[in-house]
Amino acid sequence: MSTYSVYVGSLAREKPRGQVFDWKDGDWNGNSPAQLSPDLPTLKGYGEPFFTVKEMIESGRWPEWKQTDWGCWVAKVTAAEIRALAVELYDGVEVDRPERLSEFRDFVRTLVEGQTYTLAAMET
């Protein structure tokens, strides 16, 4: 059975436990960005945000994107784009675990303007 996650990550090459993320020439063997944010919360009645975000990525909503692993779709995004996504997905809707939404919103407030992040939709 597959599990799904969507998170904000880093473009940095080095990841915990000695792993490496390679945006340009990754080998599709665990080539996903290091996770910075908590997973985006599940929408009550709509399920995992994975399918929505993966579709957004593949449709070119964010111009720089690619599939970096067999189950990982990644877009380069700005802090403003992440904030806009949080509003679009979560304003006025219920989530399965409200505490996770609070954690994600707290994280979004820490994002630095002018820095590039990744938005990863991952299936494992």
PDB file of N, CA and C in Angstrom:
ATOM      1  N   MET A   1       0.832  -1.179   0.000  1.00  0.00           N
ATOM      2  CA  MET A   1       0.000   0.000   0.000  1.00  0.00           C
ATOM      3  C   MET A   1       0.880   1.248   0.000  1.00  0.00           C
ATOM      4  N   SER A   2       0.547   2.193  -0.832  1.00  0.00           N
ATOM      5  CA  SER A   2       1.329   3.425  -0.938  1.00  0.00           C
ATOM      6  C   SER A   2       1.014   4.379   0.207  1.00  0.00           C
ATOM      7  N   THR A   3       2.012   5.171   0.565  1.00  0.00           N
ATOM      8  CA  THR A   3       1.798   6.283   1.486  1.00  0.00           C
ATOM      9  C   THR A   3       2.170   7.557   0.737  1.00  0.00           C
ATOM     10  N   TYR A   4       1.564   8.651   1.134  1.00  0.00           N
ATOM     11  CA  TYR A   4       1.729   9.908   0.415  1.00  0.00           C
ATOM     12  C   TYR A   4       2.136  11.012   1.370  1.00  0.00           C
ATOM     13  N   SER A   5       2.952  11.927   0.871  1.00  0.00           N
ATOM     14  CA  SER A   5       3.271  13.119   1.645  1.00  0.00           C
ATOM     15  C   SER A   5       3.556  14.268   0.697  1.00  0.00           C
ATOM     16  N   VAL A   6       3.273  15.453   1.190  1.00  0.00           N
ATOM     17  CA  VAL A   6       3.599  16.688   0.488  1.00  0.00           C
ATOM     18  C   VAL A   6       4.279  17.565   1.515  1.00  0.00           C
ATOM     19  N   TYR A   7       5.417  18.132   1.143  1.00  0.00           N
ATOM     20  CA  TYR A   7       6.158  18.948   2.095  1.00  0.00           C
ATOM     21  C   TYR A   7       6.988  19.995   1.380  1.00  0.00           C
ATOM     22  N   VAL A   8       7.417  20.987   2.146  1.00  0.00           N
ATOM     23  CA  VAL A   8       8.351  21.992   1.661  1.00  0.00           C
ATOM     24  C   VAL A   8       9.741  21.488   1.994  1.00  0.00           C
ATOM     25  N   GLY A   9      10.615  21.546   1.005  1.00  0.00           N
ATOM     26  CA  GLY A   9      11.967  21.028   1.198  1.00  0.00           C
ATOM     27  C   GLY A   9      13.029  22.028   0.783  1.00  0.00           C
ATOM     28  N   SER A  10      14.245  21.542   0.823  1.00  0.00           N
ATOM     29  CA  SER A  10      15.426  22.351   0.534  1.00  0.00           C
ATOM     30  C   SER A  10      16.069  21.900  -0.774  1.00  0.00           C
ATOM     31  N   LEU A  11      16.692  22.845  -1.462  1.00  0.00           N
ATOM     32  CA  LEU A  11      17.460  22.512  -2.670  1.00  0.00           C
ATOM     33  C   LEU A  11      18.882  22.075  -2.343  1.00  0.00           C
ATOM     34  N   ALA A  12      19.254  22.156  -1.074  1.00  0.00           N
ATOM     35  CA  ALA A  12      20.612  21.782  -0.676  1.00  0.00           C
ATOM     36  C   ALA A  12      20.899  20.344  -1.072  1.00  0.00           C
ATOM     37  N   ARG A  13      22.121  20.102  -1.511  1.00  0.00           N
ATOM     38  CA  ARG A  13      22.505  18.751  -1.919  1.00  0.00           C
ATOM     39  C   ARG A  13      22.531  17.773  -0.758  1.00  0.00           C
ATOM     40  N   GLU A  14      23.114  18.194   0.343  1.00  0.00           N
ATOM     41  CA  GLU A  14      23.282  17.278   1.479  1.00  0.00           C
ATOM     42  C   GLU A  14      21.971  17.107   2.239  1.00  0.00           C
ATOM     43  N   LYS A  15      21.666  15.867   2.559  1.00  0.00           N
ATOM     44  CA  LYS A  15      20.499  15.531   3.352  1.00  0.00           C
ATOM     45  C   LYS A  15      20.970  14.791   4.599  1.00  0.00           C
ATOM     46  N   PRO A  16      20.091  14.653   5.574  1.00  0.00           N
ATOM     47  CA  PRO A  16      20.462  13.870   6.761  1.00  0.00           C
ATOM     48  C   PRO A  16      20.869  12.448   6.390  1.00  0.00           C
ATOM     49  N   ARG A  17      21.652  11.846   7.223  1.00  0.00           N
ATOM     50  CA  ARG A  17      22.118  10.461   7.071  1.00  0.00           C
ATOM     51  C   ARG A  17      22.973  10.268   5.828  1.00  0.00           C
ATOM     52  N   GLY A  18      23.659  11.322   5.373  1.00  0.00           N
ATOM     53  CA  GLY A  18      24.609  11.191   4.283  1.00  0.00           C
ATOM     54  C   GLY A  18      24.005  11.079   2.899  1.00  0.00           C
ATOM     55  N   GLN A  19      22.687  11.202   2.786  1.00  0.00           N
ATOM     56  CA  GLN A  19      22.058  11.131   1.467  1.00  0.00           C
ATOM     57  C   GLN A  19      22.256  12.442   0.725  1.00  0.00           C
ATOM     58  N   VAL A  20      22.049  12.400  -0.570  1.00  0.00           N
ATOM     59  CA  VAL A  20      22.241  13.580  -1.409  1.00  0.00           C
ATOM     60  C   VAL A  20      21.012  13.766  -2.289  1.00  0.00           C
ATOM     61  N   PHE A  21      20.559  15.031  -2.442  1.00  0.00           N
ATOM     62  CA  PHE A  21      19.511  15.363  -3.403  1.00  0.00           C
ATOM     63  C   PHE A  21      20.172  16.067  -4.571  1.00  0.00           C
ATOM     64  N   ASP A  22      19.902  15.594  -5.786  1.00  0.00           N
ATOM     65  CA  ASP A  22      20.499  16.184  -6.969  1.00  0.00           C
ATOM     66  C   ASP A  22      19.382  16.624  -7.919  1.00  0.00           C
ATOM     67  N   TRP A  23      19.115  17.931  -7.948  1.00  0.00           N
ATOM     68  CA  TRP A  23      18.069  18.472  -8.818  1.00  0.00           C
ATOM     69  C   TRP A  23      18.386  18.196 -10.286  1.00  0.00           C
ATOM     70  N   LYS A  24      19.643  18.339 -10.654  1.00  0.00           N
ATOM     71  CA  LYS A  24      20.028  18.266 -12.064  1.00  0.00           C
ATOM     72  C   LYS A  24      20.166  16.833 -12.588  1.00  0.00           C
ATOM     73  N   ASP A  25      20.907  15.996 -11.896  1.00  0.00           N
ATOM     74  CA  ASP A  25      21.251  14.673 -12.427  1.00  0.00           C
ATOM     75  C   ASP A  25      20.984  13.543 -11.439  1.00  0.00           C
ATOM     76  N   GLY A  26      19.897  13.603 -10.704  1.00  0.00           N
ATOM     77  CA  GLY A  26      19.613  12.557  -9.724  1.00  0.00           C
ATOM     78  C   GLY A  26      19.418  11.198 -10.356  1.00  0.00           C
ATOM     79  N   ASP A  27      19.613  10.136  -9.573  1.00  0.00           N
ATOM     80  CA  ASP A  27      19.564   8.778 -10.118  1.00  0.00           C
ATOM     81  C   ASP A  27      18.255   8.039  -9.851  1.00  0.00           C
ATOM     82  N   TRP A  28      17.246   8.718  -9.345  1.00  0.00           N
ATOM     83  CA  TRP A  28      15.933   8.126  -9.087  1.00  0.00           C
ATOM     84  C   TRP A  28      15.982   7.019  -8.039  1.00  0.00           C
ATOM     85  N   ASN A  29      16.952   7.039  -7.186  1.00  0.00           N
ATOM     86  CA  ASN A  29      17.045   6.078  -6.100  1.00  0.00           C
ATOM     87  C   ASN A  29      17.011   6.850  -4.777  1.00  0.00           C
ATOM     88  N   GLY A  30      15.817   7.293  -4.386  1.00  0.00           N
ATOM     89  CA  GLY A  30      15.684   8.088  -3.170  1.00  0.00           C
ATOM     90  C   GLY A  30      16.030   9.552  -3.399  1.00  0.00           C
ATOM     91  N   ASN A  31      15.954  10.019  -4.628  1.00  0.00           N
ATOM     92  CA  ASN A  31      16.336  11.387  -4.960  1.00  0.00           C
ATOM     93  C   ASN A  31      15.173  12.348  -4.686  1.00  0.00           C
ATOM     94  N   SER A  32      15.038  12.715  -3.421  1.00  0.00           N
ATOM     95  CA  SER A  32      14.006  13.653  -2.996  1.00  0.00           C
ATOM     96  C   SER A  32      14.647  14.708  -2.108  1.00  0.00           C
ATOM     97  N   PRO A  33      14.068  15.910  -2.075  1.00  0.00           N
ATOM     98  CA  PRO A  33      14.669  16.983  -1.271  1.00  0.00           C
ATOM     99  C   PRO A  33      14.556  16.711   0.225  1.00  0.00           C
ATOM    100  N   ALA A  34      15.503  17.276   0.970  1.00  0.00           N
ATOM    101  CA  ALA A  34      15.425  17.193   2.435  1.00  0.00           C
ATOM    102  C   ALA A  34      14.177  17.930   2.891  1.00  0.00           C
ATOM    103  N   GLN A  35      13.437  17.332   3.804  1.00  0.00           N
ATOM    104  CA  GLN A  35      12.176  17.891   4.272  1.00  0.00           C
ATOM    105  C   GLN A  35      12.422  18.962   5.324  1.00  0.00           C
ATOM    106  N   LEU A  36      11.837  20.157   5.103  1.00  0.00           N
ATOM    107  CA  LEU A  36      11.929  21.252   6.065  1.00  0.00           C
ATOM    108  C   LEU A  36      10.643  21.417   6.861  1.00  0.00           C
ATOM    109  N   SER A  37       9.509  21.221   6.211  1.00  0.00           N
ATOM    110  CA  SER A  37       8.206  21.465   6.844  1.00  0.00           C
ATOM    111  C   SER A  37       7.593  20.164   7.345  1.00  0.00           C
ATOM    112  N   PRO A  38       6.584  20.304   8.204  1.00  0.00           N
ATOM    113  CA  PRO A  38       5.773  19.111   8.462  1.00  0.00           C
ATOM    114  C   PRO A  38       5.001  18.767   7.189  1.00  0.00           C
ATOM    115  N   ASP A  39       4.524  17.533   7.088  1.00  0.00           N
ATOM    116  CA  ASP A  39       3.690  17.153   5.942  1.00  0.00           C
ATOM    117  C   ASP A  39       2.449  18.030   5.902  1.00  0.00           C
ATOM    118  N   LEU A  40       2.010  18.373   4.695  1.00  0.00           N
ATOM    119  CA  LEU A  40       0.765  19.116   4.570  1.00  0.00           C
ATOM    120  C   LEU A  40      -0.372  18.242   5.077  1.00  0.00           C
ATOM    121  N   PRO A  41      -1.297  18.827   5.827  1.00  0.00           N
ATOM    122  CA  PRO A  41      -2.381  18.045   6.427  1.00  0.00           C
ATOM    123  C   PRO A  41      -3.371  17.508   5.401  1.00  0.00           C
ATOM    124  N   THR A  42      -4.011  16.415   5.770  1.00  0.00           N
ATOM    125  CA  THR A  42      -5.045  15.801   4.942  1.00  0.00           C
ATOM    126  C   THR A  42      -6.330  16.617   5.037  1.00  0.00           C
ATOM    127  N   LEU A  43      -6.953  16.848   3.898  1.00  0.00           N
ATOM    128  CA  LEU A  43      -8.206  17.601   3.843  1.00  0.00           C
ATOM    129  C   LEU A  43      -9.369  16.691   4.185  1.00  0.00           C
ATOM    130  N   LYS A  44     -10.192  17.098   5.138  1.00  0.00           N
ATOM    131  CA  LYS A  44     -11.330  16.280   5.549  1.00  0.00           C
ATOM    132  C   LYS A  44     -12.303  16.126   4.376  1.00  0.00           C
ATOM    133  N   GLY A  45     -12.599  14.896   4.034  1.00  0.00           N
ATOM    134  CA  GLY A  45     -13.527  14.621   2.955  1.00  0.00           C
ATOM    135  C   GLY A  45     -12.901  14.636   1.562  1.00  0.00           C
ATOM    136  N   TYR A  46     -11.652  15.102   1.445  1.00  0.00           N
ATOM    137  CA  TYR A  46     -10.999  15.163   0.142  1.00  0.00           C
ATOM    138  C   TYR A  46      -9.757  14.283   0.068  1.00  0.00           C
ATOM    139  N   GLY A  47      -9.280  13.826   1.201  1.00  0.00           N
ATOM    140  CA  GLY A  47      -8.131  12.942   1.198  1.00  0.00           C
ATOM    141  C   GLY A  47      -6.797  13.665   1.166  1.00  0.00           C
ATOM    142  N   GLU A  48      -5.831  12.938   0.698  1.00  0.00           N
ATOM    143  CA  GLU A  48      -4.450  13.413   0.683  1.00  0.00           C
ATOM    144  C   GLU A  48      -4.264  14.611  -0.234  1.00  0.00           C
ATOM    145  N   PRO A  49      -3.471  15.599   0.197  1.00  0.00           N
ATOM    146  CA  PRO A  49      -3.158  16.706  -0.701  1.00  0.00           C
ATOM    147  C   PRO A  49      -2.203  16.288  -1.826  1.00  0.00           C
ATOM    148  N   PHE A  50      -1.616  15.095  -1.709  1.00  0.00           N
ATOM    149  CA  PHE A  50      -0.667  14.597  -2.704  1.00  0.00           C
ATOM    150  C   PHE A  50      -1.217  14.704  -4.127  1.00  0.00           C
ATOM    151  N   PHE A  51      -2.425  14.206  -4.344  1.00  0.00           N
ATOM    152  CA  PHE A  51      -2.962  14.142  -5.699  1.00  0.00           C
ATOM    153  C   PHE A  51      -3.198  15.547  -6.267  1.00  0.00           C
ATOM    154  N   THR A  52      -3.694  16.448  -5.447  1.00  0.00           N
ATOM    155  CA  THR A  52      -3.920  17.828  -5.889  1.00  0.00           C
ATOM    156  C   THR A  52      -2.599  18.511  -6.216  1.00  0.00           C
ATOM    157  N   VAL A  53      -1.625  18.402  -5.319  1.00  0.00           N
ATOM    158  CA  VAL A  53      -0.344  19.084  -5.515  1.00  0.00           C
ATOM    159  C   VAL A  53       0.433  18.451  -6.669  1.00  0.00           C
ATOM    160  N   LYS A  54       0.420  17.145  -6.777  1.00  0.00           N
ATOM    161  CA  LYS A  54       1.099  16.482  -7.900  1.00  0.00           C
ATOM    162  C   LYS A  54       0.518  16.976  -9.227  1.00  0.00           C
ATOM    163  N   GLU A  55      -0.803  17.079  -9.310  1.00  0.00           N
ATOM    164  CA  GLU A  55      -1.440  17.576 -10.530  1.00  0.00           C
ATOM    165  C   GLU A  55      -1.026  19.026 -10.805  1.00  0.00           C
ATOM    166  N   MET A  56      -0.954  19.845  -9.749  1.00  0.00           N
ATOM    167  CA  MET A  56      -0.511  21.236  -9.918  1.00  0.00           C
ATOM    168  C   MET A  56       0.918  21.292 -10.461  1.00  0.00           C
ATOM    169  N   ILE A  57       1.779  20.445  -9.915  1.00  0.00           N
ATOM    170  CA  ILE A  57       3.177  20.418 -10.351  1.00  0.00           C
ATOM    171  C   ILE A  57       3.257  19.985 -11.819  1.00  0.00           C
ATOM    172  N   GLU A  58       2.617  18.869 -12.136  1.00  0.00           N
ATOM    173  CA  GLU A  58       2.701  18.337 -13.499  1.00  0.00           C
ATOM    174  C   GLU A  58       2.056  19.256 -14.543  1.00  0.00           C
ATOM    175  N   SER A  59       1.096  20.060 -14.127  1.00  0.00           N
ATOM    176  CA  SER A  59       0.435  20.964 -15.078  1.00  0.00           C
ATOM    177  C   SER A  59       1.271  22.202 -15.366  1.00  0.00           C
ATOM    178  N   GLY A  60       2.383  22.354 -14.646  1.00  0.00           N
ATOM    179  CA  GLY A  60       3.263  23.487 -14.878  1.00  0.00           C
ATOM    180  C   GLY A  60       2.897  24.740 -14.112  1.00  0.00           C
ATOM    181  N   ARG A  61       2.119  24.591 -13.075  1.00  0.00           N
ATOM    182  CA  ARG A  61       1.755  25.756 -12.265  1.00  0.00           C
ATOM    183  C   ARG A  61       2.990  26.524 -11.815  1.00  0.00           C
ATOM    184  N   TRP A  62       4.022  25.781 -11.467  1.00  0.00           N
ATOM    185  CA  TRP A  62       5.317  26.379 -11.130  1.00  0.00           C
ATOM    186  C   TRP A  62       6.259  26.000 -12.273  1.00  0.00           C
ATOM    187  N   PRO A  63       6.843  27.001 -12.938  1.00  0.00           N
ATOM    188  CA  PRO A  63       7.603  26.739 -14.179  1.00  0.00           C
ATOM    189  C   PRO A  63       8.766  25.761 -14.037  1.00  0.00           C
ATOM    190  N   GLU A  64       9.452  25.799 -12.908  1.00  0.00           N
ATOM    191  CA  GLU A  64      10.577  24.863 -12.745  1.00  0.00           C
ATOM    192  C   GLU A  64      10.127  23.674 -11.910  1.00  0.00           C
ATOM    193  N   TRP A  65       9.937  22.548 -12.579  1.00  0.00           N
ATOM    194  CA  TRP A  65       9.532  21.331 -11.884  1.00  0.00           C
ATOM    195  C   TRP A  65      10.082  20.126 -12.623  1.00  0.00           C
ATOM    196  N   LYS A  66      10.122  19.017 -11.922  1.00  0.00           N
ATOM    197  CA  LYS A  66      10.524  17.761 -12.553  1.00  0.00           C
ATOM    198  C   LYS A  66      10.196  16.596 -11.634  1.00  0.00           C
ATOM    199  N   GLN A  67      10.169  15.426 -12.216  1.00  0.00           N
ATOM    200  CA  GLN A  67      10.062  14.202 -11.438  1.00  0.00           C
ATOM    201  C   GLN A  67      11.492  13.797 -11.117  1.00  0.00           C
ATOM    202  N   THR A  68      11.830  13.729  -9.831  1.00  0.00           N
ATOM    203  CA  THR A  68      13.210  13.463  -9.433  1.00  0.00           C
ATOM    204  C   THR A  68      13.435  12.027  -8.970  1.00  0.00           C
ATOM    205  N   ASP A  69      12.365  11.290  -8.817  1.00  0.00           N
ATOM    206  CA  ASP A  69      12.423   9.904  -8.362  1.00  0.00           C
ATOM    207  C   ASP A  69      11.168   9.232  -8.904  1.00  0.00           C
ATOM    208  N   TRP A  70      11.107   7.911  -8.888  1.00  0.00           N
ATOM    209  CA  TRP A  70       9.934   7.223  -9.439  1.00  0.00           C
ATOM    210  C   TRP A  70       8.655   7.702  -8.774  1.00  0.00           C
ATOM    211  N   GLY A  71       8.718   8.126  -7.514  1.00  0.00           N
ATOM    212  CA  GLY A  71       7.527   8.557  -6.787  1.00  0.00           C
ATOM    213  C   GLY A  71       7.657   9.939  -6.186  1.00  0.00           C
ATOM    214  N   CYS A  72       8.421  10.832  -6.818  1.00  0.00           N
ATOM    215  CA  CYS A  72       8.615  12.170  -6.243  1.00  0.00           C
ATOM    216  C   CYS A  72       8.589  13.236  -7.336  1.00  0.00           C
ATOM    217  N   TRP A  73       7.642  14.153  -7.213  1.00  0.00           N
ATOM    218  CA  TRP A  73       7.498  15.277  -8.130  1.00  0.00           C
ATOM    219  C   TRP A  73       7.832  16.535  -7.349  1.00  0.00           C
ATOM    220  N   VAL A  74       8.728  17.362  -7.908  1.00  0.00           N
ATOM    221  CA  VAL A  74       9.271  18.498  -7.168  1.00  0.00           C
ATOM    222  C   VAL A  74       9.195  19.764  -8.010  1.00  0.00           C
ATOM    223  N   ALA A  75       8.755  20.853  -7.380  1.00  0.00           N
ATOM    224  CA  ALA A  75       8.753  22.167  -8.026  1.00  0.00           C
ATOM    225  C   ALA A  75       9.603  23.116  -7.196  1.00  0.00           C
ATOM    226  N   LYS A  76      10.302  24.020  -7.882  1.00  0.00           N
ATOM    227  CA  LYS A  76      10.993  25.099  -7.191  1.00  0.00           C
ATOM    228  C   LYS A  76       9.966  26.194  -6.936  1.00  0.00           C
ATOM    229  N   VAL A  77       9.885  26.642  -5.685  1.00  0.00           N
ATOM    230  CA  VAL A  77       8.871  27.624  -5.295  1.00  0.00           C
ATOM    231  C   VAL A  77       9.477  28.693  -4.385  1.00  0.00           C
ATOM    232  N   THR A  78       8.779  29.815  -4.306  1.00  0.00           N
ATOM    233  CA  THR A  78       9.178  30.901  -3.412  1.00  0.00           C
ATOM    234  C   THR A  78       8.311  30.864  -2.154  1.00  0.00           C
ATOM    235  N   ALA A  79       8.704  31.656  -1.169  1.00  0.00           N
ATOM    236  CA  ALA A  79       7.916  31.762   0.058  1.00  0.00           C
ATOM    237  C   ALA A  79       6.504  32.252  -0.265  1.00  0.00           C
ATOM    238  N   ALA A  80       6.390  33.231  -1.147  1.00  0.00           N
ATOM    239  CA  ALA A  80       5.074  33.772  -1.512  1.00  0.00           C
ATOM    240  C   ALA A  80       4.198  32.699  -2.169  1.00  0.00           C
ATOM    241  N   GLU A  81       4.801  31.854  -2.993  1.00  0.00           N
ATOM    242  CA  GLU A  81       4.030  30.784  -3.642  1.00  0.00           C
ATOM    243  C   GLU A  81       3.565  29.738  -2.629  1.00  0.00           C
ATOM    244  N   ILE A  82       4.376  29.465  -1.629  1.00  0.00           N
ATOM    245  CA  ILE A  82       3.977  28.507  -0.587  1.00  0.00           C
ATOM    246  C   ILE A  82       2.839  29.092   0.243  1.00  0.00           C
ATOM    247  N   ARG A  83       2.949  30.373   0.589  1.00  0.00           N
ATOM    248  CA  ARG A  83       1.868  31.026   1.334  1.00  0.00           C
ATOM    249  C   ARG A  83       0.562  31.002   0.532  1.00  0.00           C
ATOM    250  N   ALA A  84       0.638  31.288  -0.759  1.00  0.00           N
ATOM    251  CA  ALA A  84      -0.555  31.274  -1.612  1.00  0.00           C
ATOM    252  C   ALA A  84      -1.165  29.870  -1.680  1.00  0.00           C
ATOM    253  N   LEU A  85      -0.323  28.857  -1.760  1.00  0.00           N
ATOM    254  CA  LEU A  85      -0.815  27.477  -1.779  1.00  0.00           C
ATOM    255  C   LEU A  85      -1.513  27.136  -0.466  1.00  0.00           C
ATOM    256  N   ALA A  86      -0.940  27.549   0.651  1.00  0.00           N
ATOM    257  CA  ALA A  86      -1.548  27.274   1.961  1.00  0.00           C
ATOM    258  C   ALA A  86      -2.935  27.901   2.048  1.00  0.00           C
ATOM    259  N   VAL A  87      -3.075  29.112   1.557  1.00  0.00           N
ATOM    260  CA  VAL A  87      -4.388  29.774   1.555  1.00  0.00           C
ATOM    261  C   VAL A  87      -5.352  29.015   0.649  1.00  0.00           C
ATOM    262  N   GLU A  88      -4.900  28.696  -0.545  1.00  0.00           N
ATOM    263  CA  GLU A  88      -5.759  28.005  -1.511  1.00  0.00           C
ATOM    264  C   GLU A  88      -6.250  26.659  -0.991  1.00  0.00           C
ATOM    265  N   LEU A  89      -5.352  25.896  -0.390  1.00  0.00           N
ATOM    266  CA  LEU A  89      -5.724  24.550   0.072  1.00  0.00           C
ATOM    267  C   LEU A  89      -6.498  24.552   1.381  1.00  0.00           C
ATOM    268  N   TYR A  90      -6.187  25.475   2.296  1.00  0.00           N
ATOM    269  CA  TYR A  90      -6.663  25.306   3.670  1.00  0.00           C
ATOM    270  C   TYR A  90      -7.579  26.385   4.219  1.00  0.00           C
ATOM    271  N   ASP A  91      -7.710  27.520   3.562  1.00  0.00           N
ATOM    272  CA  ASP A  91      -8.620  28.537   4.104  1.00  0.00           C
ATOM    273  C   ASP A  91     -10.070  28.091   3.953  1.00  0.00           C
ATOM    274  N   GLY A  92     -10.765  28.049   5.073  1.00  0.00           N
ATOM    275  CA  GLY A  92     -12.187  27.728   5.064  1.00  0.00           C
ATOM    276  C   GLY A  92     -12.528  26.259   4.918  1.00  0.00           C
ATOM    277  N   VAL A  93     -11.549  25.366   5.049  1.00  0.00           N
ATOM    278  CA  VAL A  93     -11.839  23.932   4.960  1.00  0.00           C
ATOM    279  C   VAL A  93     -11.409  23.235   6.247  1.00  0.00           C
ATOM    280  N   GLU A  94     -11.974  22.077   6.479  1.00  0.00           N
ATOM    281  CA  GLU A  94     -11.599  21.282   7.646  1.00  0.00           C
ATOM    282  C   GLU A  94     -10.502  20.299   7.268  1.00  0.00           C
ATOM    283  N   VAL A  95      -9.659  20.026   8.242  1.00  0.00           N
ATOM    284  CA  VAL A  95      -8.612  19.024   8.058  1.00  0.00           C
ATOM    285  C   VAL A  95      -8.815  17.925   9.084  1.00  0.00           C
ATOM    286  N   ASP A  96      -8.245  16.769   8.795  1.00  0.00           N
ATOM    287  CA  ASP A  96      -8.410  15.634   9.702  1.00  0.00           C
ATOM    288  C   ASP A  96      -7.739  15.865  11.056  1.00  0.00           C
ATOM    289  N   ARG A  97      -6.599  16.558  11.040  1.00  0.00           N
ATOM    290  CA  ARG A  97      -5.864  16.811  12.288  1.00  0.00           C
ATOM    291  C   ARG A  97      -5.502  18.297  12.361  1.00  0.00           C
ATOM    292  N   PRO A  98      -6.334  19.101  13.008  1.00  0.00           N
ATOM    293  CA  PRO A  98      -6.115  20.553  13.065  1.00  0.00           C
ATOM    294  C   PRO A  98      -4.743  20.950  13.609  1.00  0.00           C
ATOM    295  N   GLU A  99      -4.195  20.153  14.510  1.00  0.00           N
ATOM    296  CA  GLU A  99      -2.874  20.483  15.065  1.00  0.00           C
ATOM    297  C   GLU A  99      -1.793  20.451  13.977  1.00  0.00           C
ATOM    298  N   ARG A 100      -1.961  19.582  12.998  1.00  0.00           N
ATOM    299  CA  ARG A 100      -0.987  19.535  11.884  1.00  0.00           C
ATOM    300  C   ARG A 100      -1.092  20.778  11.015  1.00  0.00           C
ATOM    301  N   LEU A 101      -2.295  21.291  10.842  1.00  0.00           N
ATOM    302  CA  LEU A 101      -2.465  22.531  10.083  1.00  0.00           C
ATOM    303  C   LEU A 101      -1.815  23.695  10.829  1.00  0.00           C
ATOM    304  N   SER A 102      -1.973  23.729  12.131  1.00  0.00           N
ATOM    305  CA  SER A 102      -1.324  24.781  12.933  1.00  0.00           C
ATOM    306  C   SER A 102       0.193  24.705  12.805  1.00  0.00           C
ATOM    307  N   GLU A 103       0.740  23.506  12.867  1.00  0.00           N
ATOM    308  CA  GLU A 103       2.189  23.326  12.712  1.00  0.00           C
ATOM    309  C   GLU A 103       2.651  23.795  11.332  1.00  0.00           C
ATOM    310  N   PHE A 104       1.879  23.452  10.293  1.00  0.00           N
ATOM    311  CA  PHE A 104       2.256  23.860   8.945  1.00  0.00           C
ATOM    312  C   PHE A 104       2.180  25.380   8.798  1.00  0.00           C
ATOM    313  N   ARG A 105       1.121  25.993   9.312  1.00  0.00           N
ATOM    314  CA  ARG A 105       1.002  27.459   9.229  1.00  0.00           C
ATOM    315  C   ARG A 105       2.126  28.149  10.002  1.00  0.00           C
ATOM    316  N   ASP A 106       2.495  27.588  11.154  1.00  0.00           N
ATOM    317  CA  ASP A 106       3.631  28.147  11.908  1.00  0.00           C
ATOM    318  C   ASP A 106       4.908  28.082  11.067  1.00  0.00           C
ATOM    319  N   PHE A 107       5.117  26.966  10.401  1.00  0.00           N
ATOM    320  CA  PHE A 107       6.285  26.821   9.537  1.00  0.00           C
ATOM    321  C   PHE A 107       6.274  27.854   8.412  1.00  0.00           C
ATOM    322  N   VAL A 108       5.134  28.025   7.760  1.00  0.00           N
ATOM    323  CA  VAL A 108       5.022  28.949   6.632  1.00  0.00           C
ATOM    324  C   VAL A 108       5.423  30.361   7.053  1.00  0.00           C
ATOM    325  N   ARG A 109       5.084  30.734   8.282  1.00  0.00           N
ATOM    326  CA  ARG A 109       5.448  32.074   8.776  1.00  0.00           C
ATOM    327  C   ARG A 109       6.959  32.262   8.908  1.00  0.00           C
ATOM    328  N   THR A 110       7.714  31.190   8.934  1.00  0.00           N
ATOM    329  CA  THR A 110       9.177  31.296   9.087  1.00  0.00           C
ATOM    330  C   THR A 110       9.913  31.380   7.753  1.00  0.00           C
ATOM    331  N   LEU A 111       9.207  31.238   6.646  1.00  0.00           N
ATOM    332  CA  LEU A 111       9.855  31.230   5.333  1.00  0.00           C
ATOM    333  C   LEU A 111      10.501  32.580   5.035  1.00  0.00           C
ATOM    334  N   VAL A 112      11.639  32.520   4.372  1.00  0.00           N
ATOM    335  CA  VAL A 112      12.433  33.709   4.076  1.00  0.00           C
ATOM    336  C   VAL A 112      12.151  34.178   2.651  1.00  0.00           C
ATOM    337  N   GLU A 113      11.783  35.457   2.516  1.00  0.00           N
ATOM    338  CA  GLU A 113      11.568  36.029   1.181  1.00  0.00           C
ATOM    339  C   GLU A 113      12.877  35.970   0.383  1.00  0.00           C
ATOM    340  N   GLY A 114      12.763  35.700  -0.896  1.00  0.00           N
ATOM    341  CA  GLY A 114      13.933  35.673  -1.762  1.00  0.00           C
ATOM    342  C   GLY A 114      14.657  34.335  -1.794  1.00  0.00           C
ATOM    343  N   GLN A 115      14.283  33.420  -0.930  1.00  0.00           N
ATOM    344  CA  GLN A 115      14.907  32.099  -0.915  1.00  0.00           C
ATOM    345  C   GLN A 115      14.062  31.138  -1.749  1.00  0.00           C
ATOM    346  N   THR A 116      14.720  30.234  -2.457  1.00  0.00           N
ATOM    347  CA  THR A 116      14.021  29.229  -3.234  1.00  0.00           C
ATOM    348  C   THR A 116      13.894  27.959  -2.402  1.00  0.00           C
ATOM    349  N   TYR A 117      12.696  27.412  -2.408  1.00  0.00           N
ATOM    350  CA  TYR A 117      12.399  26.168  -1.701  1.00  0.00           C
ATOM    351  C   TYR A 117      11.941  25.130  -2.716  1.00  0.00           C
ATOM    352  N   THR A 118      11.692  23.937  -2.245  1.00  0.00           N
ATOM    353  CA  THR A 118      11.069  22.930  -3.093  1.00  0.00           C
ATOM    354  C   THR A 118       9.705  22.576  -2.499  1.00  0.00           C
ATOM    355  N   LEU A 119       8.804  22.210  -3.362  1.00  0.00           N
ATOM    356  CA  LEU A 119       7.531  21.646  -2.959  1.00  0.00           C
ATOM    357  C   LEU A 119       7.530  20.231  -3.517  1.00  0.00           C
ATOM    358  N   ALA A 120       7.515  19.259  -2.633  1.00  0.00           N
ATOM    359  CA  ALA A 120       7.625  17.863  -3.052  1.00  0.00           C
ATOM    360  C   ALA A 120       6.331  17.114  -2.778  1.00  0.00           C
ATOM    361  N   ALA A 121       5.875  16.397  -3.787  1.00  0.00           N
ATOM    362  CA  ALA A 121       4.744  15.477  -3.651  1.00  0.00           C
ATOM    363  C   ALA A 121       5.331  14.081  -3.821  1.00  0.00           C
ATOM    364  N   MET A 122       5.223  13.288  -2.761  1.00  0.00           N
ATOM    365  CA  MET A 122       5.951  12.026  -2.725  1.00  0.00           C
ATOM    366  C   MET A 122       5.058  10.833  -2.441  1.00  0.00           C
ATOM    367  N   GLU A 123       5.278   9.760  -3.192  1.00  0.00           N
ATOM    368  CA  GLU A 123       4.578   8.500  -3.000  1.00  0.00           C
ATOM    369  C   GLU A 123       5.619   7.430  -2.690  1.00  0.00           C
ATOM    370  N   THR A 124       5.416   6.726  -1.599  1.00  0.00           N
ATOM    371  CA  THR A 124       6.368   5.648  -1.251  1.00  0.00           C
ATOM    372  C   THR A 124       5.615   4.359  -1.029  1.00  0.00           C
TER     373      THR A 124
END
